[in-house]
Amino acid sequence: MDGLKSISRVTAETGISSRTLRYWEEAGLVQSTRDIQSGWRLYDEEAMHRIAVIEVLRRLGLSVGDIGAVLEGRSSEVLLRTLQKQLGKLQDMTADVGLRADTIAELIDTIQNEPSY
């Protein structure tokens, strides 16, 4: 098991649940090898690197599909397009939150100025 880490060790080191790791593996984002005797999943350094990249991209809100495209594309162009798309989504969400906040503020003002509401 030189350089290989068990799924329990990976979860302890990264804080990522074993369920999430198995899901990422099923989705094709990361690969493990199997210990012949125990059947346990084992992760090498390349897998650990991919897990770190996946974790960062998930924190940025990228979908599993987009992460797969980034990992498969392995180019700065694919990453750039994906990040630009995500930035646009976040900007749209920010605008929507701003509109909701304005509407709530107006409602509060209306309620405070019309006690019979």
Protein backbone atom coordinates (compact mmCIF):
# COMPACT_ATOMS: atom_id res chain seq x y z
CA MET A 1 0.00 0.00 0.00
CA ASP A 2 2.95 2.33 -0.64
CA GLY A 3 1.59 5.80 -1.31
CA LEU A 4 -1.98 4.56 -1.38
CA LYS A 5 -4.56 5.89 1.04
CA SER A 6 -7.68 4.12 2.18
CA ILE A 7 -11.03 5.83 1.82
CA SER A 8 -11.19 6.27 5.61
CA ARG A 9 -7.81 8.02 5.60
CA VAL A 10 -8.85 10.26 2.70
CA THR A 11 -12.05 11.24 4.51
CA ALA A 12 -10.07 11.98 7.69
CA GLU A 13 -7.54 14.12 5.82
CA THR A 14 -9.96 16.00 3.58
CA GLY A 15 -13.23 16.10 5.50
CA ILE A 16 -14.99 14.76 2.41
CA SER A 17 -17.42 11.98 3.25
CA SER A 18 -16.89 8.48 1.92
CA ARG A 19 -20.33 8.71 0.33
CA THR A 20 -19.23 11.79 -1.62
CA LEU A 21 -16.01 10.10 -2.70
CA ARG A 22 -17.94 7.09 -3.94
CA TYR A 23 -20.36 9.40 -5.80
CA TRP A 24 -17.47 11.24 -7.45
CA GLU A 25 -16.02 7.89 -8.44
CA GLU A 26 -19.35 6.74 -9.92
CA ALA A 27 -19.53 10.04 -11.83
CA GLY A 28 -16.08 9.38 -13.28
CA LEU A 29 -14.38 12.33 -11.58
CA VAL A 30 -11.85 10.27 -9.64
CA GLN A 31 -10.59 6.70 -9.74
CA SER A 32 -9.49 4.40 -6.99
CA THR A 33 -7.85 1.03 -7.05
CA ARG A 34 -9.05 -1.90 -4.99
CA ASP A 35 -7.08 -3.79 -2.40
CA ILE A 36 -7.14 -7.41 -3.58
CA GLN A 37 -7.59 -8.88 -0.12
CA SER A 38 -10.03 -6.45 1.50
CA GLY A 39 -11.72 -4.89 -1.53
CA TRP A 40 -11.20 -1.44 0.02
CA ARG A 41 -10.87 1.58 -2.20
CA LEU A 42 -7.36 2.99 -2.29
CA TYR A 43 -6.37 6.39 -3.64
CA ASP A 44 -2.98 7.27 -5.13
CA GLU A 45 -1.35 10.71 -5.36
CA GLU A 46 -3.02 11.50 -8.70
CA ALA A 47 -6.42 10.71 -7.21
CA MET A 48 -5.62 12.85 -4.17
CA HIS A 49 -4.72 15.74 -6.47
CA ARG A 50 -7.97 15.33 -8.41
CA ILE A 51 -9.94 15.20 -5.15
CA ALA A 52 -8.37 18.51 -4.09
CA VAL A 53 -9.25 20.11 -7.44
CA ILE A 54 -12.79 18.72 -7.33
CA GLU A 55 -13.27 20.05 -3.81
CA VAL A 56 -12.23 23.58 -4.83
CA LEU A 57 -14.48 23.54 -7.90
CA ARG A 58 -17.44 22.26 -5.84
CA ARG A 59 -16.91 25.10 -3.34
CA LEU A 60 -17.19 27.48 -6.29
CA GLY A 61 -20.58 25.96 -7.04
CA LEU A 62 -19.69 24.08 -10.21
CA SER A 63 -21.84 21.11 -11.08
CA VAL A 64 -20.42 17.60 -11.25
CA GLY A 65 -20.91 17.74 -15.02
CA ASP A 66 -18.94 20.96 -15.34
CA ILE A 67 -16.19 19.59 -13.11
CA GLY A 68 -16.02 16.51 -15.31
CA ALA A 69 -15.63 18.70 -18.38
CA VAL A 70 -12.84 20.68 -16.72
CA LEU A 71 -11.00 17.56 -15.62
CA GLU A 72 -11.48 15.89 -18.99
CA GLY A 73 -10.50 18.97 -20.96
CA ARG A 74 -7.35 19.57 -18.94
CA SER A 75 -6.91 22.98 -20.51
CA SER A 76 -7.02 26.50 -19.22
CA GLU A 77 -9.53 27.36 -21.96
CA VAL A 78 -12.09 24.84 -20.67
CA LEU A 79 -11.54 26.02 -17.11
CA LEU A 80 -11.84 29.66 -18.15
CA ARG A 81 -15.11 29.09 -20.03
CA THR A 82 -16.53 27.11 -17.11
CA LEU A 83 -15.55 29.77 -14.57
CA GLN A 84 -16.99 32.53 -16.77
CA LYS A 85 -20.27 30.61 -16.99
CA GLN A 86 -20.32 30.18 -13.21
CA LEU A 87 -19.53 33.86 -12.66
CA GLY A 88 -22.49 34.79 -14.87
CA LYS A 89 -24.77 32.54 -12.82
CA LEU A 90 -23.54 34.09 -9.59
CA GLN A 91 -24.03 37.60 -10.95
CA ASP A 92 -27.59 36.72 -11.95
CA MET A 93 -28.22 35.29 -8.48
CA THR A 94 -26.78 38.44 -6.88
CA ALA A 95 -29.09 40.63 -8.94
CA ASP A 96 -32.06 38.45 -7.99
CA VAL A 97 -31.17 38.65 -4.30
CA GLY A 98 -30.89 42.44 -4.62
CA LEU A 99 -34.38 42.64 -6.13
CA ARG A 100 -35.80 40.45 -3.37
CA ALA A 101 -34.13 42.57 -0.70
CA ASP A 102 -35.56 45.75 -2.24
CA THR A 103 -39.04 44.21 -2.37
CA ILE A 104 -38.84 43.12 1.27
CA ALA A 105 -37.62 46.57 2.32
CA GLU A 106 -40.56 48.18 0.48
CA LEU A 107 -43.00 45.78 2.14
CA ILE A 108 -41.56 46.52 5.57
CA ASP A 109 -41.86 50.25 4.90
CA THR A 110 -45.45 49.84 3.73
CA ILE A 111 -46.39 47.79 6.78
CA GLN A 112 -44.75 50.24 9.18
CA ASN A 113 -46.47 53.22 7.59
CA GLU A 114 -49.89 51.59 7.40
CA PRO A 115 -50.65 50.14 10.83
CA SER A 116 -54.03 48.83 9.67
CA TYR A 117 -52.36 46.28 7.42
